[in-house]
Amino acid sequence: MALKVAVNGYGTIGKRVADAVARQPDMTLVGVTKTRPSFEARSALDKGYRLFVTGEGKAQDFEQAGLTVSGGVEDLLREAEVVIDAAPGKIGGANRALYDRLGIPAVFQGGEKSSVADHSFSALANYAACLGSRRLRVVSCNTTGIARAASRLSSRYGVRRWEATLVRRAADPGESKKGPINGILPGLDFPSHHGPDVQTVLPGLPIHTTALTVSTNLMHVHVNQVQLERVPADVEELVRVFSGSPRFKVFEAGDHVEGTPGVVEWARDLGRPRYDIMENVLWRQGIHLAGDEVRFFQAIHQESVVVPENVDALRAMFRLETDPLRSMAITDRTLGLSPRGA
């Protein structure tokens, strides 16, 4: 029997997660929620997803807009075996009381505090530790990107010190209230919250992060300097470590992808829905080795990088697949992600 999944919140992350769940051979999407009528609510119905009302929303507002709803959020949850909470940040934490009252397991997003769940989750980093959990938190886009890379380097070489500067996008493409911004905004907290968040996935990782926000809405870029305990033979070995891992894409010099606009154009040319880029993106020329220190850039697509992690979190929770690489292979195949080594 396929796992019956509800998605509470059909916005930037929720609509992508709903599409991903609907493609899985071992899952069924029961329905999605919105608080008010919108083009996203209409598109959900156009895709055949059942629509439910959540929050302060009113069914009559949807009906007046010509949108058929199948009930309220509690009606949806009673039909499901698990809920993926994709509500805006901080609202998911408040929703936990409802999930607990109804006895339904839940997956939360990185905008919530780590205490909302039993574990923070990243498929490459700690899948096995999360098997059988009732509440998981898929960490944020930036934390997901760092945790993936850290899982590759720490497991093979060990890490003495990790310094990362995060160059963050100012807003998502669909947002207008946050921009445009003609400026660069430094994050004045040391460290930024990203390092401690990575440590909720990989406890003990010696990482320090800083962040700044720039005038773009395409992707984030991380500048990483990592001191390793064991030294790779050469840069080509590091390239093989990254490119041979799931959810990494390494561009070669001959690809002529010079920055995030080129990455987006690559995804568009592949026909990716919404030009989603769910892989960590690295540049071969941007990976350097100097003694025991590796330096590399990686780009992270804020709208979609966490989507496959939500799917794998479900398999871990319900032990649909106990091997993380097998779960990831299923997810990545259904989502059309780059195969390892491509």
Protein backbone atom coordinates (compact mmCIF):
# COMPACT_ATOMS: atom_id res chain seq x y z
CA MET A 1 0.00 0.00 0.00
CA ALA A 2 1.26 3.45 -0.91
CA LEU A 3 1.91 5.88 1.93
CA LYS A 4 -0.88 8.48 2.13
CA VAL A 5 0.68 11.95 2.35
CA ALA A 6 -0.88 15.35 3.07
CA VAL A 7 0.89 18.63 2.28
CA ASN A 8 -0.14 21.49 4.55
CA GLY A 9 0.78 24.64 2.69
CA TYR A 10 0.92 24.93 -1.09
CA GLY A 11 3.40 27.76 -1.60
CA THR A 12 6.99 27.91 -2.84
CA ILE A 13 8.09 24.68 -1.14
CA GLY A 14 4.73 22.97 -0.71
CA LYS A 15 3.78 22.94 -4.37
CA ARG A 16 7.13 21.46 -5.33
CA VAL A 17 6.94 18.85 -2.58
CA ALA A 18 3.38 17.95 -3.61
CA ASP A 19 4.51 17.41 -7.20
CA ALA A 20 7.42 15.28 -5.98
CA VAL A 21 5.25 13.12 -3.72
CA ALA A 22 2.75 12.59 -6.53
CA ARG A 23 5.55 11.09 -8.66
CA GLN A 24 6.69 8.51 -6.11
CA PRO A 25 5.80 4.84 -6.70
CA ASP A 26 5.33 4.19 -2.97
CA MET A 27 3.37 7.33 -2.04
CA THR A 28 -0.03 8.89 -2.72
CA LEU A 29 -0.80 12.59 -2.40
CA VAL A 30 -4.07 12.87 -0.46
CA GLY A 31 -4.41 16.63 -0.81
CA VAL A 32 -2.95 20.09 -0.22
CA THR A 33 -4.04 23.19 1.68
CA LYS A 34 -4.30 26.94 1.10
CA THR A 35 -5.50 29.74 3.33
CA ARG A 36 -7.07 31.80 0.55
CA PRO A 37 -7.93 31.61 -3.16
CA SER A 38 -4.97 32.18 -5.48
CA PHE A 39 -3.48 31.06 -8.77
CA GLU A 40 -1.65 28.36 -6.81
CA ALA A 41 -4.92 27.02 -5.42
CA ARG A 42 -6.31 26.92 -8.94
CA SER A 43 -3.22 25.20 -10.32
CA ALA A 44 -3.50 22.54 -7.59
CA LEU A 45 -7.01 21.72 -8.74
CA ASP A 46 -5.91 21.79 -12.38
CA LYS A 47 -3.34 19.11 -11.51
CA GLY A 48 -6.01 16.96 -9.93
CA TYR A 49 -4.92 17.62 -6.34
CA ARG A 50 -7.69 17.83 -3.78
CA LEU A 51 -7.77 21.23 -2.09
CA PHE A 52 -8.46 21.84 1.61
CA VAL A 53 -8.71 25.04 3.64
CA THR A 54 -6.23 25.78 6.41
CA GLY A 55 -5.48 28.56 8.88
CA GLU A 56 -7.95 31.43 8.91
CA GLY A 57 -9.23 30.58 5.46
CA LYS A 58 -12.95 30.25 4.71
CA ALA A 59 -14.45 27.69 2.37
CA GLN A 60 -16.96 30.19 1.00
CA ASP A 61 -14.15 32.43 -0.25
CA PHE A 62 -12.84 29.56 -2.35
CA GLU A 63 -16.29 28.64 -3.60
CA GLN A 64 -16.98 32.25 -4.59
CA ALA A 65 -13.76 32.17 -6.58
CA GLY A 66 -14.92 29.04 -8.37
CA LEU A 67 -12.53 26.75 -6.50
CA THR A 68 -13.85 23.50 -5.08
CA VAL A 69 -12.59 22.54 -1.65
CA SER A 70 -12.87 19.13 -0.02
CA GLY A 71 -12.97 20.31 3.58
CA GLY A 72 -10.71 21.79 6.22
CA VAL A 73 -7.19 20.84 7.23
CA GLU A 74 -8.41 18.40 9.90
CA ASP A 75 -10.45 16.55 7.26
CA LEU A 76 -7.29 16.20 5.19
CA LEU A 77 -5.19 15.03 8.11
CA ARG A 78 -7.70 12.35 9.08
CA GLU A 79 -7.33 10.82 5.62
CA ALA A 80 -3.53 10.88 5.66
CA GLU A 81 -0.86 8.79 7.37
CA VAL A 82 1.67 11.62 7.49
CA VAL A 83 1.76 15.36 6.85
CA ILE A 84 4.48 17.47 5.30
CA ASP A 85 4.16 20.90 6.85
CA ALA A 86 5.16 23.51 4.27
CA ALA A 87 3.59 26.48 6.03
CA PRO A 88 5.54 29.75 6.26
CA GLY A 89 8.28 29.86 8.88
CA LYS A 90 7.19 29.73 12.52
CA ILE A 91 3.64 28.65 11.60
CA GLY A 92 4.71 25.02 11.27
CA GLY A 93 5.83 24.98 14.88
CA ALA A 94 2.39 26.16 15.94
CA ASN A 95 0.81 23.47 13.77
CA ARG A 96 2.56 20.73 15.69
CA ALA A 97 -0.07 20.86 18.45
CA LEU A 98 -2.72 19.96 15.87
CA TYR A 99 -0.66 17.09 14.49
CA ASP A 100 0.04 15.78 17.98
CA ARG A 101 -3.65 15.96 18.89
CA LEU A 102 -4.57 13.94 15.82
CA GLY A 103 -1.66 11.54 16.32
CA ILE A 104 -0.23 12.09 12.83
CA PRO A 105 3.53 12.03 12.13
CA ALA A 106 4.91 15.18 10.53
CA VAL A 107 7.79 16.54 8.46
CA PHE A 108 8.64 20.19 9.12
CA GLN A 109 10.78 22.65 7.18
CA GLY A 110 13.95 24.52 8.08
CA GLY A 111 12.15 27.71 9.05
CA GLU A 112 11.13 26.02 12.30
CA LYS A 113 13.31 25.54 15.36
CA SER A 114 15.10 22.22 15.56
CA SER A 115 13.17 21.41 18.74
CA VAL A 116 9.98 20.97 16.69
CA ALA A 117 11.14 17.48 15.62
CA ASP A 118 12.99 14.41 16.84
CA HIS A 119 15.80 15.03 14.36
CA SER A 120 16.95 17.52 11.77
CA PHE A 121 17.30 15.63 8.49
CA SER A 122 19.59 15.49 5.48
CA ALA A 123 19.47 12.30 3.43
CA LEU A 124 23.20 12.04 2.70
CA ALA A 125 24.21 13.00 6.23
CA ASN A 126 21.96 11.22 8.75
CA TYR A 127 19.29 9.09 7.08
CA ALA A 128 20.01 6.04 9.25
CA ALA A 129 19.70 8.03 12.49
CA CYS A 130 16.21 9.17 11.45
CA LEU A 131 14.72 5.75 10.68
CA GLY A 132 11.40 5.29 12.44
CA SER A 133 11.09 8.88 13.65
CA ARG A 134 7.63 10.41 14.05
CA ARG A 135 8.74 14.00 13.52
CA LEU A 136 11.53 15.17 11.24
CA ARG A 137 12.69 18.62 10.25
CA VAL A 138 14.19 19.01 6.79
CA VAL A 139 16.77 21.73 7.27
CA SER A 140 16.82 24.94 5.23
CA CYS A 141 18.19 25.29 1.72
CA ASN A 142 21.58 26.62 2.82
CA THR A 143 21.91 24.11 5.63
CA THR A 144 20.95 21.30 3.26
CA GLY A 145 23.66 22.38 0.83
CA ILE A 146 26.37 22.55 3.48
CA ALA A 147 25.27 19.30 5.15
CA ARG A 148 25.47 17.44 1.85
CA ALA A 149 28.99 18.69 1.14
CA ALA A 150 30.10 18.14 4.73
CA SER A 151 28.82 14.57 4.69
CA ARG A 152 31.02 13.85 1.66
CA LEU A 153 34.19 15.44 3.02
CA SER A 154 33.90 14.49 6.69
CA SER A 155 33.19 10.82 6.02
CA ARG A 156 36.15 10.44 3.66
CA TYR A 157 38.77 12.83 5.01
CA GLY A 158 37.64 14.19 8.38
CA VAL A 159 37.28 17.93 8.98
CA ARG A 160 39.45 20.04 11.28
CA ARG A 161 37.85 23.39 10.46
CA TRP A 162 35.16 24.63 8.07
CA GLU A 163 34.69 28.31 7.26
CA ALA A 164 31.82 29.25 4.95
CA THR A 165 30.61 32.62 3.69
CA LEU A 166 27.07 32.48 2.35
CA VAL A 167 26.15 34.95 -0.39
CA ARG A 168 22.38 34.88 -0.13
CA ARG A 169 19.72 35.92 -2.60
CA ALA A 170 17.51 38.81 -1.49
CA ALA A 171 14.13 37.28 -2.41
CA ASP A 172 12.48 34.46 -4.31
CA PRO A 173 11.48 35.27 -7.93
CA GLY A 174 7.79 35.54 -7.07
CA GLU A 175 8.32 37.98 -4.20
CA SER A 176 8.07 41.73 -4.72
CA LYS A 177 7.81 43.07 -1.19
CA LYS A 178 11.49 42.38 -0.46
CA GLY A 179 13.06 44.07 -3.41
CA PRO A 180 14.66 45.20 -5.54
CA ILE A 181 17.49 46.11 -3.19
CA ASN A 182 20.35 48.26 -4.43
CA GLY A 183 22.87 47.19 -1.87
CA ILE A 184 24.73 44.45 -0.05
CA LEU A 185 23.51 43.64 3.44
CA PRO A 186 26.00 41.97 5.80
CA GLY A 187 24.67 39.57 8.37
CA LEU A 188 26.05 41.00 11.58
CA ASP A 189 25.71 37.86 13.68
CA PHE A 190 28.85 35.78 14.22
CA PRO A 191 28.36 33.02 13.47
CA SER A 192 25.31 33.18 11.24
CA HIS A 193 22.61 30.70 12.21
CA HIS A 194 23.58 28.31 9.41
CA GLY A 195 26.61 26.78 11.14
CA PRO A 196 24.76 25.83 14.34
CA ASP A 197 21.93 24.51 12.18
CA VAL A 198 24.32 22.23 10.27
CA GLN A 199 25.46 20.91 13.65
CA THR A 200 21.90 19.73 14.39
CA VAL A 201 22.46 17.31 11.48
CA LEU A 202 26.18 16.66 11.96
CA PRO A 203 26.94 17.19 15.66
CA GLY A 204 30.53 18.16 16.32
CA LEU A 205 31.28 19.45 12.83
CA PRO A 206 33.74 22.33 13.44
CA ILE A 207 32.00 24.86 11.22
CA HIS A 208 31.72 28.65 11.38
CA THR A 209 29.49 30.55 8.97
CA THR A 210 28.92 34.16 8.00
CA ALA A 211 26.31 35.49 5.57
CA LEU A 212 25.43 38.49 3.47
CA THR A 213 22.50 39.29 1.19
CA VAL A 214 22.88 40.59 -2.37
CA SER A 215 20.58 41.85 -5.10
CA THR A 216 19.62 38.64 -6.88
CA ASN A 217 16.72 36.21 -6.77
CA LEU A 218 18.26 33.25 -8.60
CA MET A 219 20.36 31.24 -6.13
CA HIS A 220 22.64 31.34 -3.10
CA VAL A 221 26.41 30.86 -3.44
CA HIS A 222 28.67 29.46 -0.69
CA VAL A 223 32.38 30.18 -0.44
CA ASN A 224 33.91 27.28 1.51
CA GLN A 225 37.36 26.88 3.06
CA VAL A 226 37.79 23.48 4.70
CA GLN A 227 40.85 22.15 6.52
CA LEU A 228 40.91 18.36 6.25
CA GLU A 229 42.40 15.76 8.56
CA ARG A 230 43.52 13.53 5.67
CA VAL A 231 44.78 15.06 2.45
CA PRO A 232 43.31 14.02 -0.92
CA ALA A 233 45.75 12.91 -3.58
CA ASP A 234 44.80 15.82 -5.84
CA VAL A 235 41.96 18.03 -6.99
CA GLU A 236 40.73 15.37 -9.38
CA GLU A 237 40.08 13.09 -6.42
CA LEU A 238 37.89 15.78 -4.86
CA VAL A 239 36.05 16.26 -8.14
CA ARG A 240 35.31 12.53 -8.22
CA VAL A 241 34.06 12.61 -4.62
CA PHE A 242 31.56 15.34 -5.43
CA SER A 243 30.51 14.31 -8.92
CA GLY A 244 30.20 10.67 -7.86
CA SER A 245 27.71 11.54 -5.12
CA PRO A 246 23.96 11.90 -5.60
CA ARG A 247 22.59 15.44 -5.70
CA PHE A 248 25.79 17.07 -6.88
CA LYS A 249 26.40 18.64 -10.27
CA VAL A 250 29.94 19.68 -11.21
CA PHE A 251 30.31 21.89 -14.27
CA GLU A 252 33.47 21.60 -16.32
CA ALA A 253 35.27 24.58 -17.87
CA GLY A 254 34.05 23.53 -21.31
CA ASP A 255 30.43 23.86 -20.21
CA HIS A 256 30.91 27.64 -20.10
CA VAL A 257 28.64 28.04 -17.09
CA GLU A 258 30.17 31.08 -15.45
CA GLY A 259 27.68 31.72 -12.67
CA THR A 260 24.14 31.30 -11.44
CA PRO A 261 22.48 32.69 -14.61
CA GLY A 262 24.18 29.93 -16.59
CA VAL A 263 23.07 27.31 -14.07
CA VAL A 264 19.48 28.48 -14.42
CA GLU A 265 19.75 28.41 -18.21
CA TRP A 266 21.08 24.83 -18.01
CA ALA A 267 18.04 23.81 -15.97
CA ARG A 268 15.71 25.56 -18.41
CA ASP A 269 17.29 23.80 -21.38
CA LEU A 270 16.79 20.46 -19.61
CA GLY A 271 13.10 21.28 -19.32
CA ARG A 272 13.17 21.24 -15.53
CA PRO A 273 9.78 22.31 -14.11
CA ARG A 274 10.11 25.89 -12.80
CA TYR A 275 13.85 25.53 -13.70
CA ASP A 276 14.28 23.72 -10.38
CA ILE A 277 17.85 22.81 -9.45
CA MET A 278 17.79 20.29 -6.61
CA GLU A 279 21.51 19.49 -6.74
CA ASN A 280 24.45 21.23 -5.11
CA VAL A 281 26.13 22.97 -8.06
CA LEU A 282 29.93 23.17 -8.14
CA TRP A 283 32.42 24.36 -10.74
CA ARG A 284 35.45 22.19 -11.56
CA GLN A 285 37.63 25.30 -11.82
CA GLY A 286 36.27 26.49 -8.47
CA ILE A 287 37.61 23.51 -6.51
CA HIS A 288 41.13 24.12 -5.18
CA LEU A 289 43.46 22.12 -2.95
CA ALA A 290 46.36 23.74 -1.05
CA GLY A 291 48.00 21.34 1.36
CA ASP A 292 45.30 20.11 3.70
CA GLU A 293 42.87 22.89 2.78
CA VAL A 294 40.20 22.58 0.11
CA ARG A 295 38.37 25.63 -1.17
CA PHE A 296 35.29 25.47 -3.32
CA PHE A 297 32.24 27.40 -4.44
CA GLN A 298 28.79 25.87 -4.54
CA ALA A 299 25.45 27.29 -5.67
CA ILE A 300 22.17 26.36 -3.99
CA HIS A 301 18.72 26.90 -5.49
CA GLN A 302 16.65 28.15 -2.58
CA GLU A 303 13.26 27.16 -4.01
CA SER A 304 13.90 23.51 -4.69
CA VAL A 305 17.02 22.01 -3.11
CA VAL A 306 15.08 20.67 -0.09
CA VAL A 307 12.36 18.98 -2.15
CA PRO A 308 14.00 15.54 -2.56
CA GLU A 309 14.96 15.61 1.11
CA ASN A 310 11.28 15.79 2.06
CA VAL A 311 10.57 12.67 0.04
CA ASP A 312 13.47 10.75 1.58
CA ALA A 313 12.41 11.88 5.04
CA LEU A 314 9.10 10.10 4.51
CA ARG A 315 10.83 6.86 3.52
CA ALA A 316 13.07 7.06 6.57
CA MET A 317 10.17 7.71 8.94
CA PHE A 318 8.12 4.77 7.70
CA ARG A 319 11.09 2.53 6.84
CA LEU A 320 9.84 2.25 3.27
CA GLU A 321 13.54 2.03 2.41
CA THR A 322 16.29 1.62 5.01
CA ASP A 323 19.20 2.31 2.66
CA PRO A 324 19.62 6.06 2.02
CA LEU A 325 21.23 5.61 -1.38
CA ARG A 326 18.40 3.39 -2.59
CA SER A 327 15.82 5.90 -1.37
CA MET A 328 17.68 8.75 -3.02
CA ALA A 329 17.97 6.80 -6.26
CA ILE A 330 14.20 6.34 -6.40
CA THR A 331 13.56 9.98 -5.59
CA ASP A 332 16.12 11.33 -8.01
CA ARG A 333 14.95 9.13 -10.87
CA THR A 334 11.34 10.25 -10.47
CA LEU A 335 12.40 13.91 -10.31
CA GLY A 336 14.74 13.73 -13.28
CA LEU A 337 17.86 14.74 -11.37
CA SER A 338 21.38 14.40 -12.70
CA PRO A 339 22.68 10.84 -12.31
CA ARG A 340 25.87 10.41 -10.34
CA GLY A 341 28.91 11.31 -12.37
CA ALA A 342 26.91 13.25 -14.99
